[in-house]
Amino acid sequence: MSTNMPKLGVNIDHIATLRELRHSAFPDILLAAGICGSSGADSIVVHLREDRRHIQDKDVRALRHSVKTRLNLEMSVAEEIVRIACKVKPDQATLVPEKRRELTTEGGLDVVKMAGIVDRASHRLKKQGIAVSLFIEPDKRQIKQARDLGIEIIELHTGKYANVKNLKEIKRELSRIREAASFAQSLGLVVNAGHGLDYINVCPVARIRGMHELNIGYSIVCHALFVGLFKAVRQMKELIQ
């Protein structure tokens, strides 16, 4: 695993958001995934939400057959969603918190509070050969609990880092992520990161020693409106490498 060349996972949820505005067949989610793969994405990420506001069940099934790299399914621990994941068998399932009225995922999964539920869901997924990752805050208690549950991959929530404005706060949040990544790696965990990362703030996170993969979606889709999806993914890939 390279210390200075993290992989890029591209989240294509908001391609589906645009499609769902008209309940149409366009833009084509499979075509989008193919373009991302051909332009350098190491994995395709989609979030099958309980409210189905963007990605639909049929999308996940179709992507499972069409994605040539890796399919990372973001998901809650709800029984219905776990059952679908076990049937579809993505390469990876990333367990995330979910609230019906949120605009986007607002924070990391509280693994300490939800240890039993997370443990049951992760065991079911692992039995189907699915790698399990937990989307958590850069917090040592959460990281240690993840390790204690037998989890091997975590994704550190970078939303607070992405949203703060002044330099002092940016440095503080970046330091939290860096320290959390180091602690997690000392426990033998694979460390990914994501949420709110864009073409301006991504480089300091990409430079964190041992960072394995960055999962980025919204900023890439927005940039693609002006430069095209292939170029938007390629430019992000070049930035993080």
Protein backbone atom coordinates (compact mmCIF):
# COMPACT_ATOMS: atom_id res chain seq x y z
CA MET A 1 0.00 0.00 0.00
CA SER A 2 1.54 3.29 -1.10
CA THR A 3 1.89 6.07 1.44
CA ASN A 4 1.51 8.87 -1.08
CA MET A 5 -0.81 7.56 -3.76
CA PRO A 6 -4.25 6.82 -2.33
CA LYS A 7 -6.88 5.23 -4.49
CA LEU A 8 -9.96 7.13 -5.67
CA GLY A 9 -13.50 5.92 -5.12
CA VAL A 10 -16.06 7.95 -7.09
CA ASN A 11 -19.55 8.28 -5.64
CA ILE A 12 -22.13 8.58 -8.43
CA ASP A 13 -25.22 9.11 -6.26
CA HIS A 14 -25.85 12.56 -7.66
CA ILE A 15 -25.90 11.32 -11.23
CA ALA A 16 -28.96 9.40 -10.03
CA THR A 17 -30.24 12.50 -8.18
CA LEU A 18 -30.45 14.33 -11.49
CA ARG A 19 -32.20 11.37 -13.12
CA GLU A 20 -34.75 11.10 -10.31
CA LEU A 21 -35.79 14.74 -10.71
CA ARG A 22 -37.73 13.64 -13.80
CA HIS A 23 -38.01 9.91 -13.01
CA SER A 24 -36.34 9.40 -16.35
CA ALA A 25 -33.79 7.02 -17.81
CA PHE A 26 -31.22 9.81 -18.12
CA PRO A 27 -28.50 10.38 -17.16
CA ASP A 28 -27.56 6.72 -17.44
CA ILE A 29 -26.01 5.52 -14.18
CA LEU A 30 -24.21 2.61 -15.85
CA LEU A 31 -22.67 4.87 -18.46
CA ALA A 32 -21.52 7.20 -15.69
CA ALA A 33 -19.91 4.31 -13.81
CA GLY A 34 -18.16 3.17 -16.99
CA ILE A 35 -16.75 6.63 -17.67
CA CYS A 36 -15.50 6.90 -14.08
CA GLY A 37 -13.78 3.54 -14.38
CA SER A 38 -12.15 4.36 -17.70
CA SER A 39 -10.86 7.70 -16.39
CA GLY A 40 -9.07 6.22 -13.40
CA ALA A 41 -11.57 5.57 -10.59
CA ASP A 42 -10.46 2.61 -8.50
CA SER A 43 -13.95 1.94 -7.22
CA ILE A 44 -17.54 3.03 -7.81
CA VAL A 45 -19.46 4.11 -4.71
CA VAL A 46 -23.25 4.28 -4.36
CA HIS A 47 -25.49 4.78 -1.33
CA LEU A 48 -28.72 2.79 -1.36
CA ARG A 49 -30.70 4.93 1.06
CA GLU A 50 -33.80 3.69 2.84
CA ASP A 51 -35.80 6.55 1.24
CA ARG A 52 -34.39 5.73 -2.24
CA ARG A 53 -33.91 9.41 -3.00
CA HIS A 54 -31.31 8.72 -5.69
CA ILE A 55 -29.87 5.21 -6.14
CA GLN A 56 -32.53 2.52 -6.67
CA ASP A 57 -32.43 -1.22 -6.06
CA LYS A 58 -32.23 -1.91 -9.79
CA ASP A 59 -29.17 0.38 -10.03
CA VAL A 60 -27.27 -1.65 -7.46
CA ARG A 61 -28.12 -4.92 -9.20
CA ALA A 62 -27.10 -3.55 -12.60
CA LEU A 63 -23.89 -2.00 -11.29
CA ARG A 64 -22.90 -5.30 -9.69
CA HIS A 65 -22.80 -6.80 -13.20
CA SER A 66 -21.29 -3.84 -15.04
CA VAL A 67 -18.61 -2.37 -12.74
CA LYS A 68 -15.19 -3.65 -13.76
CA THR A 69 -13.25 -2.21 -10.82
CA ARG A 70 -14.84 -2.48 -7.35
CA LEU A 71 -18.37 -1.73 -6.19
CA ASN A 72 -18.60 -0.08 -2.76
CA LEU A 73 -22.16 0.03 -1.43
CA GLU A 74 -22.79 2.62 1.26
CA MET A 75 -25.70 1.50 3.41
CA SER A 76 -27.45 1.74 6.75
CA VAL A 77 -27.80 -1.23 9.09
CA ALA A 78 -31.56 -1.47 8.39
CA GLU A 79 -32.73 -5.08 7.92
CA GLU A 80 -34.09 -4.45 4.42
CA ILE A 81 -30.86 -2.88 3.18
CA VAL A 82 -28.64 -5.56 4.75
CA ARG A 83 -30.77 -8.23 3.08
CA ILE A 84 -30.39 -6.56 -0.33
CA ALA A 85 -26.62 -6.21 0.12
CA CYS A 86 -26.26 -9.87 1.07
CA LYS A 87 -28.12 -10.82 -2.10
CA VAL A 88 -26.31 -8.43 -4.49
CA LYS A 89 -22.85 -9.03 -2.94
CA PRO A 90 -20.94 -5.78 -3.66
CA ASP A 91 -17.19 -5.98 -3.23
CA GLN A 92 -17.45 -3.77 -0.16
CA ALA A 93 -20.22 -2.52 2.11
CA THR A 94 -19.63 0.71 3.98
CA LEU A 95 -21.96 1.08 6.95
CA VAL A 96 -23.08 4.67 7.46
CA PRO A 97 -25.60 6.46 9.68
CA GLU A 98 -28.78 7.61 8.01
CA LYS A 99 -31.52 10.10 8.86
CA ARG A 100 -34.57 10.61 6.66
CA ARG A 101 -34.48 14.43 6.60
CA GLU A 102 -30.74 15.00 6.21
CA LEU A 103 -29.45 16.60 3.02
CA THR A 104 -26.42 14.32 3.15
CA THR A 105 -24.75 12.09 5.72
CA GLU A 106 -24.19 14.38 8.70
CA GLY A 107 -21.56 12.48 10.66
CA GLY A 108 -19.94 9.18 11.40
CA LEU A 109 -21.60 6.01 12.62
CA ASP A 110 -21.62 5.76 16.43
CA VAL A 111 -20.05 2.32 16.67
CA VAL A 112 -19.71 2.52 20.45
CA LYS A 113 -23.44 3.10 20.91
CA MET A 114 -24.53 0.73 18.13
CA ALA A 115 -21.94 -2.02 18.65
CA GLY A 116 -24.44 -4.90 18.77
CA ILE A 117 -26.37 -3.83 15.66
CA VAL A 118 -23.20 -3.12 13.70
CA ASP A 119 -21.69 -6.43 14.75
CA ARG A 120 -24.73 -8.43 13.58
CA ALA A 121 -24.91 -6.60 10.24
CA SER A 122 -21.18 -6.91 9.57
CA HIS A 123 -21.18 -10.64 10.35
CA ARG A 124 -24.02 -11.22 7.88
CA LEU A 125 -22.22 -9.27 5.18
CA LYS A 126 -18.88 -10.99 5.79
CA LYS A 127 -20.53 -14.41 5.52
CA GLN A 128 -21.40 -13.45 1.93
CA GLY A 129 -17.78 -12.59 1.16
CA ILE A 130 -18.35 -8.82 1.37
CA ALA A 131 -15.61 -6.64 2.83
CA VAL A 132 -17.05 -4.38 5.53
CA SER A 133 -16.01 -0.79 6.23
CA LEU A 134 -17.37 1.58 8.88
CA PHE A 135 -17.82 5.30 8.19
CA ILE A 136 -16.81 6.89 11.49
CA GLU A 137 -15.57 10.09 13.10
CA PRO A 138 -11.80 10.53 13.50
CA ASP A 139 -12.14 9.52 17.14
CA LYS A 140 -10.00 6.93 18.96
CA ARG A 141 -12.94 5.40 20.87
CA GLN A 142 -14.84 4.78 17.63
CA ILE A 143 -11.74 3.38 15.93
CA LYS A 144 -10.94 1.04 18.81
CA GLN A 145 -14.54 -0.20 18.92
CA ALA A 146 -14.42 -0.90 15.19
CA ARG A 147 -11.26 -2.95 15.65
CA ASP A 148 -12.79 -4.80 18.61
CA LEU A 149 -15.73 -5.81 16.40
CA GLY A 150 -13.32 -7.41 13.94
CA ILE A 151 -13.65 -4.68 11.32
CA GLU A 152 -10.64 -4.34 9.03
CA ILE A 153 -11.50 -1.16 7.09
CA ILE A 154 -12.67 2.24 8.28
CA GLU A 155 -13.54 5.44 6.44
CA LEU A 156 -12.83 8.61 8.39
CA HIS A 157 -15.49 11.32 8.12
CA THR A 158 -13.86 14.46 6.71
CA GLY A 159 -17.00 16.61 6.73
CA LYS A 160 -15.95 18.84 9.63
CA TYR A 161 -12.58 19.47 8.01
CA ALA A 162 -14.29 20.31 4.71
CA ASN A 163 -16.81 22.69 6.27
CA VAL A 164 -14.69 24.83 8.59
CA LYS A 165 -13.56 28.15 7.20
CA ASN A 166 -10.67 29.72 9.11
CA LEU A 167 -7.12 28.44 8.91
CA LYS A 168 -6.85 27.59 12.61
CA GLU A 169 -9.92 25.33 12.49
CA ILE A 170 -8.78 23.72 9.24
CA LYS A 171 -5.43 22.84 10.82
CA ARG A 172 -7.14 21.48 13.93
CA GLU A 173 -9.51 19.23 11.97
CA LEU A 174 -6.74 18.06 9.67
CA SER A 175 -4.65 17.18 12.72
CA ARG A 176 -7.56 15.13 14.12
CA ILE A 177 -7.81 13.17 10.88
CA ARG A 178 -4.06 12.64 10.70
CA GLU A 179 -3.85 11.41 14.31
CA ALA A 180 -6.88 9.16 13.86
CA ALA A 181 -5.40 7.64 10.71
CA SER A 182 -2.11 6.94 12.47
CA PHE A 183 -3.89 5.35 15.45
CA ALA A 184 -6.06 3.19 13.20
CA GLN A 185 -3.06 2.02 11.20
CA SER A 186 -1.27 1.11 14.45
CA LEU A 187 -4.21 -1.23 15.14
CA GLY A 188 -3.82 -2.82 11.72
CA LEU A 189 -6.82 -1.14 10.08
CA VAL A 190 -7.03 -0.03 6.45
CA VAL A 191 -7.87 3.69 6.46
CA ASN A 192 -10.04 5.45 3.90
CA ALA A 193 -11.54 8.93 4.14
CA GLY A 194 -14.33 10.93 2.60
CA HIS A 195 -17.15 13.46 2.75
CA GLY A 196 -17.00 17.04 1.55
CA LEU A 197 -13.65 16.63 -0.19
CA ASP A 198 -13.17 18.75 -3.30
CA TYR A 199 -10.50 20.00 -5.69
CA ILE A 200 -9.32 22.64 -3.20
CA ASN A 201 -9.21 20.77 0.12
CA VAL A 202 -8.33 17.22 -0.96
CA CYS A 203 -4.54 17.40 -1.18
CA PRO A 204 -3.72 17.67 2.56
CA VAL A 205 -5.89 14.60 3.24
CA ALA A 206 -4.37 12.71 0.31
CA ARG A 207 -0.90 13.36 1.75
CA ILE A 208 -1.70 11.67 5.08
CA ARG A 209 0.67 8.75 5.49
CA GLY A 210 -0.89 5.40 4.66
CA MET A 211 -4.19 6.81 3.38
CA HIS A 212 -5.60 3.97 1.29
CA GLU A 213 -8.59 5.46 -0.56
CA LEU A 214 -10.53 8.71 -0.78
CA ASN A 215 -14.22 8.51 -1.60
CA ILE A 216 -15.46 11.61 -3.38
CA GLY A 217 -18.69 12.30 -5.24
CA TYR A 218 -20.51 15.61 -5.11
CA SER A 219 -17.60 17.85 -6.08
CA ILE A 220 -16.69 15.59 -9.00
CA VAL A 221 -20.25 15.53 -10.33
CA CYS A 222 -20.50 19.32 -9.99
CA HIS A 223 -17.19 19.87 -11.81
CA ALA A 224 -18.30 17.45 -14.51
CA LEU A 225 -21.08 19.86 -15.51
CA PHE A 226 -18.37 22.14 -16.90
CA VAL A 227 -15.55 19.85 -18.01
CA GLY A 228 -17.26 16.49 -18.52
CA LEU A 229 -17.21 13.44 -16.25
CA PHE A 230 -14.09 11.82 -17.71
CA LYS A 231 -11.98 14.94 -17.21
CA ALA A 232 -13.45 15.67 -13.77
CA VAL A 233 -12.48 12.22 -12.49
CA ARG A 234 -9.09 12.35 -14.15
CA GLN A 235 -8.29 15.74 -12.62
CA MET A 236 -9.22 14.51 -9.13
CA LYS A 237 -7.15 11.37 -9.63
CA GLU A 238 -4.14 13.50 -10.61
CA LEU A 239 -4.61 15.76 -7.58
CA ILE A 240 -4.61 12.96 -5.01
CA GLN A 241 -1.62 11.25 -6.60
